[in-house]
Amino acid sequence: MIKKWDIGIIVLLLLLSFIPYLCFKVLIFKDYTATYVLITVEGKPYQKIPLKEEQEKEEIAIQTAYGKNKLVIELDQVSIQDADCPDLLCTEFRPISKVGETITCLPHKLCVEIVGEKQDEEMDTRTY
């Protein structure tokens, strides 16, 4: 038999479960002044491309020792349109457009990520 306190505890737990979502919403999804497409191969930067709102269709051929991919940037969205990897999973990702989203091609050791910059961002720590 469910008592009043049981219902109160369930409602409280449901409300508390939204705290991580709100923290991520506030801390991670900030309003950025500039966004870039960062392409990395083997964890090393390969190319950094500014992402504009009125972006015309741009195709970028990425040729590495592991293979080749064709990256398409259109209407502030990025996708991999063609690749010569065996599984072609990277071509099945939906287009990315928000800061923090990534597309990876594991056979080619390729990562395409959208990163953001804030103009007035202050340092939050000091390093020596």
C-alpha atoms as a PDB file:
ATOM      1  CA  MET A   1       0.000   0.000   0.000  1.00  0.00           C
ATOM      2  CA  ILE A   2       1.389   3.384  -1.020  1.00  0.00           C
ATOM      3  CA  LYS A   3       1.381   6.092   1.625  1.00  0.00           C
ATOM      4  CA  LYS A   4       1.522   9.873   1.289  1.00  0.00           C
ATOM      5  CA  TRP A   5       5.225   9.928   2.142  1.00  0.00           C
ATOM      6  CA  ASP A   6       5.995   7.351  -0.544  1.00  0.00           C
ATOM      7  CA  ILE A   7       4.410   9.562  -3.206  1.00  0.00           C
ATOM      8  CA  GLY A   8       6.292  12.594  -1.842  1.00  0.00           C
ATOM      9  CA  ILE A   9       9.610  10.749  -1.999  1.00  0.00           C
ATOM     10  CA  ILE A  10       8.928   9.559  -5.563  1.00  0.00           C
ATOM     11  CA  VAL A  11       8.056  13.099  -6.701  1.00  0.00           C
ATOM     12  CA  LEU A  12      11.162  14.484  -4.960  1.00  0.00           C
ATOM     13  CA  LEU A  13      13.401  11.897  -6.644  1.00  0.00           C
ATOM     14  CA  LEU A  14      11.878  12.677 -10.033  1.00  0.00           C
ATOM     15  CA  LEU A  15      12.545  16.384  -9.549  1.00  0.00           C
ATOM     16  CA  LEU A  16      16.116  15.716  -8.393  1.00  0.00           C
ATOM     17  CA  SER A  17      16.763  13.611 -11.489  1.00  0.00           C
ATOM     18  CA  PHE A  18      16.532  16.760 -13.639  1.00  0.00           C
ATOM     19  CA  ILE A  19      19.403  18.526 -11.825  1.00  0.00           C
ATOM     20  CA  PRO A  20      22.184  17.031 -14.026  1.00  0.00           C
ATOM     21  CA  TYR A  21      20.301  18.075 -17.168  1.00  0.00           C
ATOM     22  CA  LEU A  22      19.974  21.647 -15.919  1.00  0.00           C
ATOM     23  CA  CYS A  23      23.657  21.767 -14.940  1.00  0.00           C
ATOM     24  CA  PHE A  24      24.726  20.621 -18.401  1.00  0.00           C
ATOM     25  CA  LYS A  25      22.301  23.029 -20.033  1.00  0.00           C
ATOM     26  CA  VAL A  26      23.752  25.980 -18.114  1.00  0.00           C
ATOM     27  CA  LEU A  27      27.440  25.021 -18.087  1.00  0.00           C
ATOM     28  CA  ILE A  28      28.021  23.356 -21.442  1.00  0.00           C
ATOM     29  CA  PHE A  29      25.510  24.781 -23.901  1.00  0.00           C
ATOM     30  CA  LYS A  30      26.601  28.400 -23.635  1.00  0.00           C
ATOM     31  CA  ASP A  31      25.939  31.102 -26.166  1.00  0.00           C
ATOM     32  CA  TYR A  32      29.076  31.183 -28.305  1.00  0.00           C
ATOM     33  CA  THR A  33      30.195  34.094 -30.458  1.00  0.00           C
ATOM     34  CA  ALA A  34      32.036  31.891 -32.935  1.00  0.00           C
ATOM     35  CA  THR A  35      31.838  28.213 -33.814  1.00  0.00           C
ATOM     36  CA  TYR A  36      34.363  26.118 -35.688  1.00  0.00           C
ATOM     37  CA  VAL A  37      34.588  22.689 -37.232  1.00  0.00           C
ATOM     38  CA  LEU A  38      37.676  21.033 -35.774  1.00  0.00           C
ATOM     39  CA  ILE A  39      38.982  18.072 -37.757  1.00  0.00           C
ATOM     40  CA  THR A  40      41.484  15.836 -35.981  1.00  0.00           C
ATOM     41  CA  VAL A  41      43.356  12.780 -37.223  1.00  0.00           C
ATOM     42  CA  GLU A  42      44.995  10.521 -34.625  1.00  0.00           C
ATOM     43  CA  GLY A  43      44.101  13.151 -32.010  1.00  0.00           C
ATOM     44  CA  LYS A  44      46.170  15.842 -33.752  1.00  0.00           C
ATOM     45  CA  PRO A  45      44.529  18.917 -35.320  1.00  0.00           C
ATOM     46  CA  TYR A  46      44.185  18.548 -39.089  1.00  0.00           C
ATOM     47  CA  GLN A  47      42.061  21.576 -39.995  1.00  0.00           C
ATOM     48  CA  LYS A  48      39.909  24.224 -38.280  1.00  0.00           C
ATOM     49  CA  ILE A  49      37.109  25.764 -40.344  1.00  0.00           C
ATOM     50  CA  PRO A  50      34.850  28.654 -39.232  1.00  0.00           C
ATOM     51  CA  LEU A  51      31.165  27.748 -39.268  1.00  0.00           C
ATOM     52  CA  LYS A  52      28.857  30.514 -40.494  1.00  0.00           C
ATOM     53  CA  GLU A  53      25.068  30.730 -40.385  1.00  0.00           C
ATOM     54  CA  GLU A  54      24.779  31.497 -44.098  1.00  0.00           C
ATOM     55  CA  GLN A  55      27.281  28.827 -45.105  1.00  0.00           C
ATOM     56  CA  GLU A  56      27.313  27.885 -48.757  1.00  0.00           C
ATOM     57  CA  LYS A  57      27.844  24.236 -49.556  1.00  0.00           C
ATOM     58  CA  GLU A  58      31.501  23.407 -49.099  1.00  0.00           C
ATOM     59  CA  GLU A  59      33.057  20.014 -49.718  1.00  0.00           C
ATOM     60  CA  ILE A  60      36.359  19.170 -48.068  1.00  0.00           C
ATOM     61  CA  ALA A  61      38.408  16.151 -49.081  1.00  0.00           C
ATOM     62  CA  ILE A  62      40.342  14.655 -46.180  1.00  0.00           C
ATOM     63  CA  GLN A  63      43.153  12.407 -47.352  1.00  0.00           C
ATOM     64  CA  THR A  64      45.226  10.619 -44.689  1.00  0.00           C
ATOM     65  CA  ALA A  65      47.429   7.550 -44.516  1.00  0.00           C
ATOM     66  CA  TYR A  66      44.367   5.577 -43.360  1.00  0.00           C
ATOM     67  CA  GLY A  67      42.034   6.554 -46.195  1.00  0.00           C
ATOM     68  CA  LYS A  68      39.882   9.375 -47.477  1.00  0.00           C
ATOM     69  CA  ASN A  69      36.668  11.030 -46.375  1.00  0.00           C
ATOM     70  CA  LYS A  70      34.530  13.736 -47.957  1.00  0.00           C
ATOM     71  CA  LEU A  71      33.212  16.265 -45.445  1.00  0.00           C
ATOM     72  CA  VAL A  72      30.273  18.491 -46.419  1.00  0.00           C
ATOM     73  CA  ILE A  73      29.480  21.788 -44.670  1.00  0.00           C
ATOM     74  CA  GLU A  74      26.105  23.257 -45.607  1.00  0.00           C
ATOM     75  CA  LEU A  75      23.667  25.571 -43.794  1.00  0.00           C
ATOM     76  CA  ASP A  76      25.772  25.506 -40.591  1.00  0.00           C
ATOM     77  CA  GLN A  77      25.599  21.686 -40.528  1.00  0.00           C
ATOM     78  CA  VAL A  78      28.453  19.252 -41.007  1.00  0.00           C
ATOM     79  CA  SER A  79      28.312  15.670 -42.257  1.00  0.00           C
ATOM     80  CA  ILE A  80      30.560  13.055 -43.810  1.00  0.00           C
ATOM     81  CA  GLN A  81      29.119  12.277 -47.213  1.00  0.00           C
ATOM     82  CA  ASP A  82      31.577   9.718 -48.531  1.00  0.00           C
ATOM     83  CA  ALA A  83      34.348   7.518 -47.132  1.00  0.00           C
ATOM     84  CA  ASP A  84      36.357   4.517 -48.196  1.00  0.00           C
ATOM     85  CA  CYS A  85      36.343   2.762 -44.818  1.00  0.00           C
ATOM     86  CA  PRO A  86      34.948  -0.793 -44.699  1.00  0.00           C
ATOM     87  CA  ASP A  87      31.900  -0.177 -42.482  1.00  0.00           C
ATOM     88  CA  LEU A  88      30.838   3.345 -43.656  1.00  0.00           C
ATOM     89  CA  LEU A  89      29.328   4.093 -40.235  1.00  0.00           C
ATOM     90  CA  CYS A  90      30.642   7.660 -40.342  1.00  0.00           C
ATOM     91  CA  THR A  91      28.443   8.398 -43.358  1.00  0.00           C
ATOM     92  CA  GLU A  92      25.324   7.312 -41.462  1.00  0.00           C
ATOM     93  CA  PHE A  93      25.686   9.918 -38.683  1.00  0.00           C
ATOM     94  CA  ARG A  94      23.111  12.681 -38.809  1.00  0.00           C
ATOM     95  CA  PRO A  95      24.527  16.145 -39.613  1.00  0.00           C
ATOM     96  CA  ILE A  96      25.967  17.936 -36.588  1.00  0.00           C
ATOM     97  CA  SER A  97      25.409  21.618 -35.851  1.00  0.00           C
ATOM     98  CA  LYS A  98      25.753  22.245 -32.095  1.00  0.00           C
ATOM     99  CA  VAL A  99      28.858  22.777 -29.997  1.00  0.00           C
ATOM    100  CA  GLY A 100      30.093  19.498 -28.553  1.00  0.00           C
ATOM    101  CA  GLU A 101      28.640  17.219 -31.230  1.00  0.00           C
ATOM    102  CA  THR A 102      31.050  14.885 -33.020  1.00  0.00           C
ATOM    103  CA  ILE A 103      31.298  12.511 -35.943  1.00  0.00           C
ATOM    104  CA  THR A 104      34.000   9.852 -35.793  1.00  0.00           C
ATOM    105  CA  CYS A 105      35.470   7.443 -38.304  1.00  0.00           C
ATOM    106  CA  LEU A 106      37.372   4.856 -36.292  1.00  0.00           C
ATOM    107  CA  PRO A 107      39.086   3.034 -39.191  1.00  0.00           C
ATOM    108  CA  HIS A 108      40.528   6.363 -40.410  1.00  0.00           C
ATOM    109  CA  LYS A 109      41.191   7.688 -36.865  1.00  0.00           C
ATOM    110  CA  LEU A 110      39.227  10.803 -37.825  1.00  0.00           C
ATOM    111  CA  CYS A 111      37.141  13.009 -35.545  1.00  0.00           C
ATOM    112  CA  VAL A 112      35.015  15.956 -36.681  1.00  0.00           C
ATOM    113  CA  GLU A 113      33.820  18.147 -33.809  1.00  0.00           C
ATOM    114  CA  ILE A 114      32.036  21.454 -33.471  1.00  0.00           C
ATOM    115  CA  VAL A 115      33.785  23.706 -30.963  1.00  0.00           C
ATOM    116  CA  GLY A 116      32.804  27.150 -29.731  1.00  0.00           C
ATOM    117  CA  GLU A 117      34.611  30.264 -28.584  1.00  0.00           C
ATOM    118  CA  LYS A 118      33.466  33.095 -26.388  1.00  0.00           C
ATOM    119  CA  GLN A 119      34.895  36.519 -27.082  1.00  0.00           C
ATOM    120  CA  ASP A 120      34.935  37.726 -23.479  1.00  0.00           C
ATOM    121  CA  GLU A 121      35.842  34.458 -21.799  1.00  0.00           C
ATOM    122  CA  GLU A 122      38.034  34.938 -18.743  1.00  0.00           C
ATOM    123  CA  MET A 123      40.561  32.506 -17.395  1.00  0.00           C
ATOM    124  CA  ASP A 124      39.107  30.483 -14.580  1.00  0.00           C
ATOM    125  CA  THR A 125      42.391  28.998 -13.336  1.00  0.00           C
ATOM    126  CA  ARG A 126      46.046  29.844 -13.323  1.00  0.00           C
ATOM    127  CA  THR A 127      48.806  27.568 -14.426  1.00  0.00           C
ATOM    128  CA  TYR A 128      52.501  27.975 -13.832  1.00  0.00           C
END
